[in-house]
Amino acid sequence: MQWEEVRRLYPNQWVLLDVISKVEREGKVIPLDIRVINSIPNEGFLVKKTRELGLYVPYHTKHKSIQLSNK
């Protein structure tokens, strides 16, 4: 799934993403194909803990593009 489709299906929401394929440029990860695991009701504990685990990526659909830092 492309980011534009995620934004259309989940407007103005936090979503938990599985990055299937990506490219890395200048220290940033740009997802090419993603899968939505679930929507997240609000930012808070779940978003923070998910970021720490690193298995899936929480991201808000208010962003026109998706770009992640390369950790």
N, C-alpha and C. Protein backbone atom coordinates (compact mmCIF):
# COMPACT_ATOMS: atom_id res chain seq x y z
N MET A 1 0.85 -1.17 0.00
CA MET A 1 0.00 0.00 0.00
C MET A 1 0.91 1.24 0.00
N GLN A 2 0.50 2.25 -0.67
CA GLN A 2 1.23 3.52 -0.73
C GLN A 2 0.71 4.45 0.37
N TRP A 3 1.55 5.41 0.77
CA TRP A 3 1.20 6.35 1.84
C TRP A 3 -0.06 7.15 1.49
N GLU A 4 -0.21 7.54 0.23
CA GLU A 4 -1.37 8.32 -0.18
C GLU A 4 -2.66 7.56 0.09
N GLU A 5 -2.64 6.25 -0.14
CA GLU A 5 -3.82 5.43 0.13
C GLU A 5 -4.09 5.31 1.62
N VAL A 6 -3.04 5.17 2.42
CA VAL A 6 -3.20 5.12 3.87
C VAL A 6 -3.85 6.41 4.36
N ARG A 7 -3.37 7.55 3.86
CA ARG A 7 -3.94 8.84 4.26
C ARG A 7 -5.42 8.95 3.88
N ARG A 8 -5.77 8.41 2.74
CA ARG A 8 -7.17 8.47 2.29
C ARG A 8 -8.06 7.57 3.14
N LEU A 9 -7.57 6.39 3.50
CA LEU A 9 -8.36 5.43 4.28
C LEU A 9 -8.43 5.77 5.77
N TYR A 10 -7.39 6.45 6.28
CA TYR A 10 -7.31 6.77 7.71
C TYR A 10 -7.03 8.26 7.89
N PRO A 11 -7.97 9.12 7.53
CA PRO A 11 -7.70 10.57 7.60
C PRO A 11 -7.50 11.06 9.04
N ASN A 12 -6.45 11.87 9.22
CA ASN A 12 -6.15 12.52 10.50
C ASN A 12 -6.15 11.55 11.68
N GLN A 13 -5.43 10.44 11.51
CA GLN A 13 -5.34 9.42 12.57
C GLN A 13 -3.90 8.94 12.72
N TRP A 14 -3.61 8.41 13.89
CA TRP A 14 -2.37 7.67 14.10
C TRP A 14 -2.60 6.28 13.56
N VAL A 15 -1.63 5.74 12.84
CA VAL A 15 -1.71 4.37 12.34
C VAL A 15 -0.41 3.65 12.70
N LEU A 16 -0.54 2.37 12.89
CA LEU A 16 0.62 1.53 13.18
C LEU A 16 0.98 0.81 11.88
N LEU A 17 2.20 1.04 11.39
CA LEU A 17 2.60 0.57 10.07
C LEU A 17 3.67 -0.51 10.12
N ASP A 18 3.58 -1.41 9.18
CA ASP A 18 4.62 -2.40 8.92
C ASP A 18 5.25 -2.00 7.59
N VAL A 19 6.52 -1.65 7.60
CA VAL A 19 7.22 -1.22 6.39
C VAL A 19 7.69 -2.48 5.66
N ILE A 20 7.10 -2.73 4.49
CA ILE A 20 7.41 -3.93 3.72
C ILE A 20 8.64 -3.71 2.84
N SER A 21 8.67 -2.58 2.13
CA SER A 21 9.86 -2.24 1.35
C SER A 21 10.16 -0.76 1.52
N LYS A 22 11.46 -0.42 1.38
CA LYS A 22 11.90 0.95 1.65
C LYS A 22 13.17 1.25 0.88
N VAL A 23 13.48 2.54 0.81
CA VAL A 23 14.78 2.98 0.32
C VAL A 23 15.36 3.88 1.39
N GLU A 24 16.69 3.95 1.43
CA GLU A 24 17.36 4.80 2.40
C GLU A 24 18.15 5.86 1.64
N ARG A 25 17.93 7.13 2.02
CA ARG A 25 18.63 8.25 1.40
C ARG A 25 19.00 9.26 2.47
N GLU A 26 20.26 9.62 2.51
CA GLU A 26 20.76 10.67 3.40
C GLU A 26 20.28 10.49 4.84
N GLY A 27 20.38 9.28 5.35
CA GLY A 27 20.02 9.00 6.73
C GLY A 27 18.54 8.91 7.00
N LYS A 28 17.72 8.94 5.96
CA LYS A 28 16.27 8.83 6.12
C LYS A 28 15.78 7.57 5.43
N VAL A 29 14.75 6.98 6.01
CA VAL A 29 14.11 5.81 5.43
C VAL A 29 12.81 6.28 4.78
N ILE A 30 12.65 5.94 3.50
CA ILE A 30 11.44 6.30 2.78
C ILE A 30 10.71 5.01 2.44
N PRO A 31 9.60 4.73 3.13
CA PRO A 31 8.83 3.51 2.85
C PRO A 31 8.19 3.57 1.46
N LEU A 32 8.30 2.49 0.72
CA LEU A 32 7.69 2.38 -0.60
C LEU A 32 6.40 1.57 -0.55
N ASP A 33 6.41 0.52 0.26
CA ASP A 33 5.24 -0.34 0.41
C ASP A 33 5.02 -0.56 1.90
N ILE A 34 3.83 -0.25 2.38
CA ILE A 34 3.53 -0.37 3.80
C ILE A 34 2.20 -1.09 3.99
N ARG A 35 2.04 -1.64 5.17
CA ARG A 35 0.81 -2.31 5.56
C ARG A 35 0.35 -1.70 6.87
N VAL A 36 -0.92 -1.36 6.95
CA VAL A 36 -1.47 -0.80 8.18
C VAL A 36 -1.83 -1.97 9.10
N ILE A 37 -1.23 -1.99 10.28
CA ILE A 37 -1.53 -3.01 11.28
C ILE A 37 -2.83 -2.66 12.00
N ASN A 38 -2.94 -1.37 12.37
CA ASN A 38 -4.12 -0.91 13.09
C ASN A 38 -4.09 0.60 13.19
N SER A 39 -5.23 1.19 13.45
CA SER A 39 -5.24 2.62 13.79
C SER A 39 -5.04 2.72 15.30
N ILE A 40 -4.48 3.84 15.73
CA ILE A 40 -4.20 4.06 17.15
C ILE A 40 -5.13 5.17 17.62
N PRO A 41 -5.90 4.94 18.68
CA PRO A 41 -6.90 5.93 19.12
C PRO A 41 -6.35 7.32 19.41
N ASN A 42 -5.19 7.41 20.02
CA ASN A 42 -4.59 8.72 20.29
C ASN A 42 -3.12 8.55 20.60
N GLU A 43 -2.40 9.65 20.48
CA GLU A 43 -0.97 9.59 20.81
C GLU A 43 -0.84 9.48 22.32
N GLY A 44 0.12 8.77 22.75
CA GLY A 44 0.34 8.62 24.18
C GLY A 44 1.21 7.42 24.43
N PHE A 45 0.85 6.67 25.45
CA PHE A 45 1.64 5.54 25.89
C PHE A 45 1.89 4.53 24.78
N LEU A 46 0.85 4.16 24.04
CA LEU A 46 1.00 3.15 23.00
C LEU A 46 1.97 3.59 21.91
N VAL A 47 1.85 4.84 21.47
CA VAL A 47 2.76 5.35 20.44
C VAL A 47 4.19 5.35 20.95
N LYS A 48 4.40 5.83 22.17
CA LYS A 48 5.74 5.88 22.74
C LYS A 48 6.34 4.48 22.88
N LYS A 49 5.60 3.55 23.41
CA LYS A 49 6.11 2.19 23.59
C LYS A 49 6.37 1.51 22.25
N THR A 50 5.52 1.75 21.27
CA THR A 50 5.71 1.15 19.95
C THR A 50 6.99 1.67 19.31
N ARG A 51 7.26 2.96 19.44
CA ARG A 51 8.50 3.52 18.90
C ARG A 51 9.71 2.87 19.54
N GLU A 52 9.64 2.62 20.84
CA GLU A 52 10.76 2.01 21.56
C GLU A 52 11.01 0.58 21.10
N LEU A 53 9.97 -0.16 20.79
CA LEU A 53 10.11 -1.57 20.39
C LEU A 53 10.71 -1.70 18.99
N GLY A 54 10.35 -0.81 18.10
CA GLY A 54 10.91 -0.83 16.77
C GLY A 54 10.36 -1.88 15.82
N LEU A 55 9.34 -2.62 16.22
CA LEU A 55 8.77 -3.64 15.34
C LEU A 55 7.90 -3.02 14.26
N TYR A 56 7.05 -2.12 14.66
CA TYR A 56 6.16 -1.41 13.75
C TYR A 56 6.36 0.08 13.96
N VAL A 57 5.85 0.86 13.02
CA VAL A 57 6.08 2.30 13.04
C VAL A 57 4.76 3.04 13.25
N PRO A 58 4.64 3.82 14.33
CA PRO A 58 3.46 4.67 14.46
C PRO A 58 3.70 5.97 13.68
N TYR A 59 2.69 6.40 12.94
CA TYR A 59 2.84 7.63 12.15
C TYR A 59 1.47 8.26 11.98
N HIS A 60 1.42 9.58 11.92
CA HIS A 60 0.15 10.28 11.81
C HIS A 60 -0.11 10.64 10.36
N THR A 61 -1.35 10.44 9.93
CA THR A 61 -1.69 10.68 8.53
C THR A 61 -1.84 12.15 8.17
N LYS A 62 -1.62 13.05 9.12
CA LYS A 62 -1.64 14.47 8.78
C LYS A 62 -0.45 14.85 7.90
N HIS A 63 0.59 14.02 7.90
CA HIS A 63 1.79 14.28 7.09
C HIS A 63 1.54 13.89 5.64
N LYS A 64 1.89 14.78 4.72
CA LYS A 64 1.67 14.52 3.29
C LYS A 64 2.60 13.46 2.74
N SER A 65 3.75 13.29 3.37
CA SER A 65 4.67 12.23 2.96
C SER A 65 5.19 11.54 4.22
N ILE A 66 5.75 10.38 4.01
CA ILE A 66 6.29 9.61 5.15
C ILE A 66 7.79 9.49 4.96
N GLN A 67 8.51 9.88 6.01
CA GLN A 67 9.97 9.81 6.02
C GLN A 67 10.40 9.54 7.45
N LEU A 68 11.15 8.48 7.64
CA LEU A 68 11.55 8.05 8.97
C LEU A 68 13.04 8.21 9.15
N SER A 69 13.46 8.41 10.38
CA SER A 69 14.90 8.49 10.64
C SER A 69 15.47 7.07 10.64
N ASN A 70 16.69 6.95 10.21
CA ASN A 70 17.37 5.67 10.14
C ASN A 70 18.09 5.45 11.47
N LYS A 71 17.56 4.56 12.30
CA LYS A 71 18.14 4.31 13.62
C LYS A 71 19.07 3.14 13.56
